[in-house]
Amino acid sequence: MPKEKILQLQEKSKGFSAEDIIRLAYQEFGRKLTFATSLGEEDQVITDMISRVAPDIEIFTLDTGRLFQQSYDLFDKTQKRYPRLRFKIYYPNTQTVEAMVQEKGINLFYDSIENRKQCCNVRKVEPLRRALSNSDAWIVGLRRQQAVTRATLEHFEWDEANSKIKINPLAEWSLEDVHRYIQQHNLDVSPLHAEGFVSIGCAPCTRAVQPGEDIRAGRWWWEQPEQKECGLHNNPKWKGNQK
């Protein structure tokens, strides 16, 4: 069923704008649709679009406990700007975080890729599963130009890890497209962007991007580009045994 449904949506959405894709997604999934925001520039764009074309879509974010203060300030500002929208915050399991830190240290993610992925799983992946538990589909702010791991994104895809349909309204947008929309609609964005931060995640795992570097260079900079996913947005190809 997912493959056929996704192919239908891909066909139906050909030539659609990002707003049209969000509107179509809401028509198809209604209250079973949710939007995950990490408060990046792309997500601020989608939040604004949702406020215009489908304000009943729930919007959630994951508070890992290691975010920049600027991210908390931006979330507060965004909630106040869009009082009609439904925002929700999910947190990691306290006992699991405590056990992980006690065993491997507060900054375990610097010691190995395995540790970093464990931390991402505890602080992001498990809360995401709870956030998606009552949804059939979710919207995200991914773009093909963001990373080699995202080069084949489609507007509608199957998320194998969560058994949901994933929707990428900005898949083909460039960073210039994102900035143009932000300027046109006077959107609030993190002040960290002006300091060279392009992709903003947890504070210990995010740095500013230097001139000439890839836009994802500031995330987990000690790892190879093909490893730079936290488990939220793996992008497997279609497999013949999907149903």
Protein backbone atom coordinates (compact mmCIF):
# COMPACT_ATOMS: atom_id res chain seq x y z
CA MET A 1 0.00 0.00 0.00
CA PRO A 2 2.62 2.67 0.84
CA LYS A 3 4.39 2.31 -2.51
CA GLU A 4 1.20 2.66 -4.55
CA LYS A 5 -0.01 5.57 -2.42
CA ILE A 6 3.31 7.37 -2.72
CA LEU A 7 3.47 6.88 -6.48
CA GLN A 8 -0.05 8.31 -6.76
CA LEU A 9 0.92 11.35 -4.68
CA GLN A 10 4.12 11.86 -6.64
CA GLU A 11 2.14 11.84 -9.87
CA LYS A 12 -0.60 14.09 -8.51
CA SER A 13 1.90 16.64 -7.17
CA LYS A 14 3.94 17.11 -10.35
CA GLY A 15 4.44 20.83 -10.93
CA PHE A 16 3.05 21.71 -7.48
CA SER A 17 4.52 24.48 -5.37
CA ALA A 18 5.61 23.77 -1.79
CA GLU A 19 2.34 25.27 -0.51
CA ASP A 20 0.37 23.06 -2.90
CA ILE A 21 2.20 19.97 -1.62
CA ILE A 22 1.39 20.86 1.99
CA ARG A 23 -2.25 21.48 1.07
CA LEU A 24 -2.43 18.16 -0.79
CA ALA A 25 -0.84 16.34 2.14
CA TYR A 26 -3.43 17.74 4.53
CA GLN A 27 -6.26 16.81 2.15
CA GLU A 28 -4.95 13.25 2.04
CA PHE A 29 -4.06 12.69 5.72
CA GLY A 30 -5.90 15.32 7.77
CA ARG A 31 -5.24 15.04 11.51
CA LYS A 32 -3.01 12.02 10.81
CA LEU A 33 -0.43 14.43 9.38
CA THR A 34 2.20 16.20 11.50
CA PHE A 35 5.18 18.48 10.89
CA ALA A 36 8.57 18.09 12.58
CA THR A 37 10.46 21.34 13.01
CA SER A 38 14.05 21.71 14.17
CA LEU A 39 13.64 25.50 13.86
CA GLY A 40 16.05 25.74 10.94
CA GLU A 41 15.46 28.18 8.11
CA GLU A 42 13.64 25.59 6.01
CA ASP A 43 11.40 24.66 8.92
CA GLN A 44 10.53 28.29 9.58
CA VAL A 45 9.48 28.55 5.93
CA ILE A 46 7.26 25.48 6.22
CA THR A 47 5.75 26.70 9.51
CA ASP A 48 4.75 29.93 7.78
CA MET A 49 3.28 28.00 4.84
CA ILE A 50 1.28 25.78 7.18
CA SER A 51 -0.13 28.87 8.88
CA ARG A 52 -1.37 30.01 5.47
CA VAL A 53 -2.70 26.84 3.82
CA ALA A 54 -3.31 24.21 6.55
CA PRO A 55 -3.21 25.68 10.08
CA ASP A 56 -4.73 22.54 11.64
CA ILE A 57 -1.54 20.53 11.09
CA GLU A 58 0.19 19.80 14.40
CA ILE A 59 3.79 21.04 14.65
CA PHE A 60 6.25 19.38 16.99
CA THR A 61 9.91 19.76 17.90
CA LEU A 62 12.36 17.56 19.79
CA ASP A 63 14.09 19.10 22.78
CA THR A 64 17.22 16.97 23.16
CA GLY A 65 18.38 18.82 26.27
CA ARG A 66 21.52 20.00 24.44
CA LEU A 67 20.11 22.73 22.19
CA PHE A 68 21.44 26.27 21.80
CA GLN A 69 19.67 28.91 23.89
CA GLN A 70 18.97 30.70 20.60
CA SER A 71 16.87 27.73 19.52
CA TYR A 72 14.69 27.94 22.63
CA ASP A 73 14.28 31.69 22.13
CA LEU A 74 13.28 31.17 18.49
CA PHE A 75 10.70 28.52 19.40
CA ASP A 76 9.15 30.89 21.95
CA LYS A 77 9.04 33.67 19.37
CA THR A 78 7.53 31.36 16.75
CA GLN A 79 4.79 30.18 19.09
CA LYS A 80 3.83 33.78 19.80
CA ARG A 81 3.87 34.75 16.13
CA TYR A 82 1.49 31.92 15.16
CA PRO A 83 -1.01 31.62 18.05
CA ARG A 84 -3.46 29.63 15.90
CA LEU A 85 -0.99 26.80 15.29
CA ARG A 86 -0.72 23.72 17.51
CA PHE A 87 2.84 23.29 18.80
CA LYS A 88 4.11 20.37 20.87
CA ILE A 89 7.51 19.51 22.40
CA TYR A 90 8.85 15.99 22.94
CA TYR A 91 11.68 15.16 25.33
CA PRO A 92 13.99 12.13 25.69
CA ASN A 93 13.37 9.57 28.41
CA THR A 94 15.09 10.88 31.53
CA GLN A 95 16.16 7.50 32.90
CA THR A 96 17.65 6.44 29.56
CA VAL A 97 19.65 9.68 29.29
CA GLU A 98 20.92 9.32 32.86
CA ALA A 99 22.04 5.72 32.29
CA MET A 100 23.79 6.60 29.03
CA VAL A 101 25.68 9.54 30.51
CA GLN A 102 26.64 7.64 33.64
CA GLU A 103 28.08 4.81 31.55
CA LYS A 104 29.78 6.75 28.75
CA GLY A 105 30.16 10.36 29.88
CA ILE A 106 28.42 13.65 29.21
CA ASN A 107 30.19 14.18 25.85
CA LEU A 108 30.24 10.56 24.70
CA PHE A 109 29.48 11.53 21.09
CA TYR A 110 33.04 12.75 20.51
CA ASP A 111 34.55 9.36 21.39
CA SER A 112 33.15 7.22 18.57
CA ILE A 113 30.53 7.10 15.82
CA GLU A 114 28.76 4.36 17.76
CA ASN A 115 28.50 6.62 20.82
CA ARG A 116 27.30 9.55 18.73
CA LYS A 117 24.59 7.43 17.13
CA GLN A 118 23.56 6.10 20.52
CA CYS A 119 23.18 9.65 21.81
CA CYS A 120 21.16 10.65 18.74
CA ASN A 121 18.98 7.58 19.18
CA VAL A 122 18.26 8.36 22.84
CA ARG A 123 17.77 12.09 22.43
CA LYS A 124 16.11 12.20 18.98
CA VAL A 125 15.04 8.91 17.43
CA GLU A 126 13.09 7.47 20.36
CA PRO A 127 11.23 10.76 21.06
CA LEU A 128 10.47 11.00 17.33
CA ARG A 129 8.82 7.59 17.38
CA ARG A 130 6.56 8.76 20.18
CA ALA A 131 5.81 11.97 18.31
CA LEU A 132 4.80 10.02 15.20
CA SER A 133 2.88 7.27 16.99
CA ASN A 134 -0.55 8.64 16.03
CA SER A 135 0.38 9.85 12.54
CA ASP A 136 0.33 8.27 9.10
CA ALA A 137 2.57 10.88 7.48
CA TRP A 138 4.97 13.64 8.49
CA ILE A 139 6.33 16.77 6.85
CA VAL A 140 10.01 17.71 7.12
CA GLY A 141 12.22 20.52 5.81
CA LEU A 142 14.76 18.42 3.90
CA ARG A 143 16.30 19.58 0.63
CA ARG A 144 18.35 17.65 -1.93
CA GLN A 145 21.18 20.16 -1.79
CA GLN A 146 21.71 19.78 1.95
CA ALA A 147 23.80 16.60 1.88
CA VAL A 148 24.93 13.66 -0.23
CA THR A 149 22.62 11.50 1.90
CA ARG A 150 19.64 13.59 0.65
CA ALA A 151 20.42 13.89 -3.05
CA THR A 152 17.57 11.59 -4.18
CA LEU A 153 14.75 13.09 -2.11
CA GLU A 154 11.24 13.07 -3.58
CA HIS A 155 8.28 15.13 -2.42
CA PHE A 156 6.60 11.96 -1.13
CA GLU A 157 8.65 9.01 0.18
CA TRP A 158 8.34 5.95 2.37
CA ASP A 159 10.06 6.26 5.75
CA GLU A 160 11.06 2.67 6.46
CA ALA A 161 12.36 3.35 9.97
CA ASN A 162 9.06 4.79 11.19
CA SER A 163 6.65 3.08 8.75
CA LYS A 164 5.23 6.46 7.73
CA ILE A 165 4.97 8.49 4.55
CA LYS A 166 7.47 11.33 4.61
CA ILE A 167 6.75 14.58 2.79
CA ASN A 168 9.49 16.96 1.61
CA PRO A 169 7.79 20.13 0.25
CA LEU A 170 11.15 21.90 -0.25
CA ALA A 171 12.99 18.95 -1.83
CA GLU A 172 14.12 20.82 -4.94
CA TRP A 173 14.58 24.25 -3.31
CA SER A 174 18.00 25.88 -3.15
CA LEU A 175 19.26 27.73 -0.09
CA GLU A 176 18.75 30.92 -2.09
CA ASP A 177 15.08 30.00 -2.53
CA VAL A 178 14.78 29.55 1.24
CA HIS A 179 16.41 32.92 1.95
CA ARG A 180 14.22 34.63 -0.64
CA TYR A 181 11.05 33.37 1.05
CA ILE A 182 12.34 34.38 4.49
CA GLN A 183 13.03 37.91 3.27
CA GLN A 184 9.72 38.23 1.43
CA HIS A 185 7.70 37.19 4.47
CA ASN A 186 9.96 38.71 7.14
CA LEU A 187 10.31 35.43 9.02
CA ASP A 188 12.07 34.96 12.34
CA VAL A 189 15.21 32.82 12.13
CA SER A 190 17.99 31.90 14.53
CA PRO A 191 20.64 34.63 14.94
CA LEU A 192 23.20 31.80 14.66
CA HIS A 193 22.65 31.79 10.88
CA ALA A 194 24.24 35.23 10.67
CA GLU A 195 27.30 33.80 12.45
CA GLY A 196 27.88 31.12 9.82
CA PHE A 197 25.68 28.34 11.21
CA VAL A 198 23.71 26.81 8.33
CA SER A 199 22.33 23.59 9.80
CA ILE A 200 21.67 23.91 13.54
CA GLY A 201 21.28 20.95 15.87
CA CYS A 202 22.59 20.22 19.34
CA ALA A 203 25.14 22.76 20.57
CA PRO A 204 28.04 20.32 21.15
CA CYS A 205 27.64 18.83 17.67
CA THR A 206 27.18 22.00 15.61
CA ARG A 207 29.67 24.65 14.54
CA ALA A 208 29.76 27.49 12.03
CA VAL A 209 30.58 26.64 8.42
CA GLN A 210 33.77 28.13 7.05
CA PRO A 211 33.93 29.82 3.59
CA GLY A 212 34.05 27.20 0.85
CA GLU A 213 32.83 24.36 3.08
CA ASP A 214 29.82 22.19 2.36
CA ILE A 215 26.64 23.45 4.07
CA ARG A 216 26.52 20.34 6.28
CA ALA A 217 30.17 20.66 7.31
CA GLY A 218 29.16 22.17 10.63
CA ARG A 219 27.25 19.08 11.77
CA TRP A 220 29.33 16.30 13.38
CA TRP A 221 32.39 17.79 11.68
CA TRP A 222 34.64 15.00 12.92
CA GLU A 223 32.78 12.41 10.78
CA GLN A 224 32.69 11.63 7.05
CA PRO A 225 29.87 13.22 4.96
CA GLU A 226 28.15 9.90 4.23
CA GLN A 227 27.85 9.26 8.00
CA LYS A 228 26.20 12.58 8.85
CA GLU A 229 22.67 11.52 9.69
CA CYS A 230 21.30 11.10 13.19
CA GLY A 231 18.77 8.41 12.34
CA LEU A 232 15.82 10.76 11.86
CA HIS A 233 16.21 11.07 8.09
CA ASN A 234 17.74 7.98 6.55
CA ASN A 235 16.80 7.80 2.87
CA PRO A 236 16.79 4.17 1.67
CA LYS A 237 16.00 3.34 -1.94
CA TRP A 238 12.84 1.47 -2.82
CA LYS A 239 13.16 -2.26 -2.21
CA GLY A 240 11.29 -4.81 -4.26
CA ASN A 241 9.74 -6.41 -1.19
CA GLN A 242 8.02 -3.24 0.02
CA LYS A 243 4.25 -3.56 0.33
